[in-house]
Amino acid sequence: MMLDLAAFDAWAERWRDLGPDADAMDRVNPVYIPRNHMVEEALTAATGGNMGPLGRLLEAVGSPFDERPGLERYTAPAPDSFGPYRTFCGT
């Protein structure tokens, strides 16, 4: 798929013209979300008897709008090494 930079630039200009409110977006967009690679890590550890990663993940997503020191890794996207991920509704 090719990126249509002209179309993106036109969209971005229309969006900026709307005057988006960054503070309002921060109030409705969580800092921490349960990303697939973190969930998989927690499940794998818990299956092996280590509940630590699950506890830390639950701590992060338990108050997802409140940024807290020490939880920076829960804001990062999956590493490239995680690869493509497929999940199914209801599993």
C-alpha atoms as a PDB file:
ATOM      1  CA  MET A   1       0.000   0.000   0.000  1.00  0.00           C
ATOM      2  CA  MET A   2       1.383   3.394  -0.982  1.00  0.00           C
ATOM      3  CA  LEU A   3       1.084   6.319   1.370  1.00  0.00           C
ATOM      4  CA  ASP A   4      -0.772   9.201  -0.261  1.00  0.00           C
ATOM      5  CA  LEU A   5       1.075  12.130   1.304  1.00  0.00           C
ATOM      6  CA  ALA A   6      -1.046  14.764  -0.444  1.00  0.00           C
ATOM      7  CA  ALA A   7      -4.246  13.206   0.908  1.00  0.00           C
ATOM      8  CA  PHE A   8      -2.746  13.001   4.386  1.00  0.00           C
ATOM      9  CA  ASP A   9      -1.597  16.610   4.261  1.00  0.00           C
ATOM     10  CA  ALA A  10      -5.087  17.714   3.193  1.00  0.00           C
ATOM     11  CA  TRP A  11      -6.672  15.731   6.038  1.00  0.00           C
ATOM     12  CA  ALA A  12      -4.157  17.090   8.579  1.00  0.00           C
ATOM     13  CA  GLU A  13      -4.878  20.651   7.482  1.00  0.00           C
ATOM     14  CA  ARG A  14      -8.654  20.122   7.847  1.00  0.00           C
ATOM     15  CA  TRP A  15      -8.081  18.572  11.275  1.00  0.00           C
ATOM     16  CA  ARG A  16      -5.873  21.460  12.460  1.00  0.00           C
ATOM     17  CA  ASP A  17      -8.481  23.933  11.206  1.00  0.00           C
ATOM     18  CA  LEU A  18     -10.975  22.313  13.605  1.00  0.00           C
ATOM     19  CA  GLY A  19      -8.777  23.446  16.507  1.00  0.00           C
ATOM     20  CA  PRO A  20      -8.311  20.106  18.296  1.00  0.00           C
ATOM     21  CA  ASP A  21      -8.068  20.415  22.068  1.00  0.00           C
ATOM     22  CA  ALA A  22      -5.051  18.402  23.266  1.00  0.00           C
ATOM     23  CA  ASP A  23      -6.180  18.544  26.902  1.00  0.00           C
ATOM     24  CA  ALA A  24      -9.608  17.145  26.000  1.00  0.00           C
ATOM     25  CA  MET A  25      -7.985  14.347  23.998  1.00  0.00           C
ATOM     26  CA  ASP A  26      -5.703  13.494  26.937  1.00  0.00           C
ATOM     27  CA  ARG A  27      -8.764  13.144  29.182  1.00  0.00           C
ATOM     28  CA  VAL A  28     -10.372  10.513  26.932  1.00  0.00           C
ATOM     29  CA  ASN A  29      -7.291   8.698  25.570  1.00  0.00           C
ATOM     30  CA  PRO A  30      -5.611   6.430  28.120  1.00  0.00           C
ATOM     31  CA  VAL A  31      -1.881   6.565  28.737  1.00  0.00           C
ATOM     32  CA  TYR A  32      -1.753   2.813  29.358  1.00  0.00           C
ATOM     33  CA  ILE A  33      -3.553   0.202  27.305  1.00  0.00           C
ATOM     34  CA  PRO A  34      -3.189  -3.595  27.494  1.00  0.00           C
ATOM     35  CA  ARG A  35      -1.139  -4.078  24.332  1.00  0.00           C
ATOM     36  CA  ASN A  36      -1.020  -7.583  22.915  1.00  0.00           C
ATOM     37  CA  HIS A  37       2.688  -8.114  23.546  1.00  0.00           C
ATOM     38  CA  MET A  38       2.257  -7.171  27.209  1.00  0.00           C
ATOM     39  CA  VAL A  39      -0.777  -9.413  27.620  1.00  0.00           C
ATOM     40  CA  GLU A  40       1.079 -12.330  26.026  1.00  0.00           C
ATOM     41  CA  GLU A  41       4.068 -11.722  28.295  1.00  0.00           C
ATOM     42  CA  ALA A  42       1.836 -11.698  31.389  1.00  0.00           C
ATOM     43  CA  LEU A  43      -0.059 -14.826  30.315  1.00  0.00           C
ATOM     44  CA  THR A  44       3.129 -16.748  29.548  1.00  0.00           C
ATOM     45  CA  ALA A  45       4.645 -15.800  32.907  1.00  0.00           C
ATOM     46  CA  ALA A  46       1.437 -16.616  34.823  1.00  0.00           C
ATOM     47  CA  THR A  47       1.170 -19.999  33.119  1.00  0.00           C
ATOM     48  CA  GLY A  48       4.658 -20.707  34.442  1.00  0.00           C
ATOM     49  CA  GLY A  49       3.660 -19.612  37.954  1.00  0.00           C
ATOM     50  CA  ASN A  50       5.073 -16.065  37.869  1.00  0.00           C
ATOM     51  CA  MET A  51       2.237 -13.621  38.578  1.00  0.00           C
ATOM     52  CA  GLY A  52       4.530 -10.556  38.698  1.00  0.00           C
ATOM     53  CA  PRO A  53       4.077  -9.387  35.089  1.00  0.00           C
ATOM     54  CA  LEU A  54       0.291  -9.779  35.351  1.00  0.00           C
ATOM     55  CA  GLY A  55       0.236  -7.736  38.556  1.00  0.00           C
ATOM     56  CA  ARG A  56       2.304  -4.956  36.977  1.00  0.00           C
ATOM     57  CA  LEU A  57       0.104  -4.925  33.850  1.00  0.00           C
ATOM     58  CA  LEU A  58      -3.027  -4.726  35.992  1.00  0.00           C
ATOM     59  CA  GLU A  59      -1.462  -1.916  38.013  1.00  0.00           C
ATOM     60  CA  ALA A  60      -0.825   0.064  34.814  1.00  0.00           C
ATOM     61  CA  VAL A  61      -4.226  -0.453  33.203  1.00  0.00           C
ATOM     62  CA  GLY A  62      -6.130  -0.175  36.501  1.00  0.00           C
ATOM     63  CA  SER A  63      -5.803   3.624  36.283  1.00  0.00           C
ATOM     64  CA  PRO A  64      -5.134   4.085  32.574  1.00  0.00           C
ATOM     65  CA  PHE A  65      -5.489   7.883  32.463  1.00  0.00           C
ATOM     66  CA  ASP A  66      -3.063   8.623  35.314  1.00  0.00           C
ATOM     67  CA  GLU A  67       0.543   8.780  34.146  1.00  0.00           C
ATOM     68  CA  ARG A  68       2.812   7.333  36.833  1.00  0.00           C
ATOM     69  CA  PRO A  69       6.580   6.963  37.103  1.00  0.00           C
ATOM     70  CA  GLY A  70       7.957   3.489  36.602  1.00  0.00           C
ATOM     71  CA  LEU A  71       5.308   2.420  34.096  1.00  0.00           C
ATOM     72  CA  GLU A  72       6.915   3.855  30.959  1.00  0.00           C
ATOM     73  CA  ARG A  73       7.236   0.457  29.259  1.00  0.00           C
ATOM     74  CA  TYR A  74       3.424   0.185  29.256  1.00  0.00           C
ATOM     75  CA  THR A  75       3.193   3.208  26.941  1.00  0.00           C
ATOM     76  CA  ALA A  76       5.433   1.810  24.207  1.00  0.00           C
ATOM     77  CA  PRO A  77       4.272   0.014  21.075  1.00  0.00           C
ATOM     78  CA  ALA A  78       5.201  -3.604  20.517  1.00  0.00           C
ATOM     79  CA  PRO A  79       8.793  -4.190  19.481  1.00  0.00           C
ATOM     80  CA  ASP A  80       9.370  -5.167  15.867  1.00  0.00           C
ATOM     81  CA  SER A  81      10.451  -8.590  17.110  1.00  0.00           C
ATOM     82  CA  PHE A  82       6.873  -9.245  18.308  1.00  0.00           C
ATOM     83  CA  GLY A  83       5.868  -9.508  14.642  1.00  0.00           C
ATOM     84  CA  PRO A  84       2.335  -9.581  13.276  1.00  0.00           C
ATOM     85  CA  TYR A  85      -0.355 -10.551  15.757  1.00  0.00           C
ATOM     86  CA  ARG A  86      -3.725 -12.114  15.124  1.00  0.00           C
ATOM     87  CA  THR A  87      -6.480 -12.395  17.681  1.00  0.00           C
ATOM     88  CA  PHE A  88     -10.062 -13.562  17.384  1.00  0.00           C
ATOM     89  CA  CYS A  89     -13.149 -12.065  18.959  1.00  0.00           C
ATOM     90  CA  GLY A  90     -14.407 -14.243  21.784  1.00  0.00           C
ATOM     91  CA  THR A  91     -11.141 -16.013  22.533  1.00  0.00           C
END
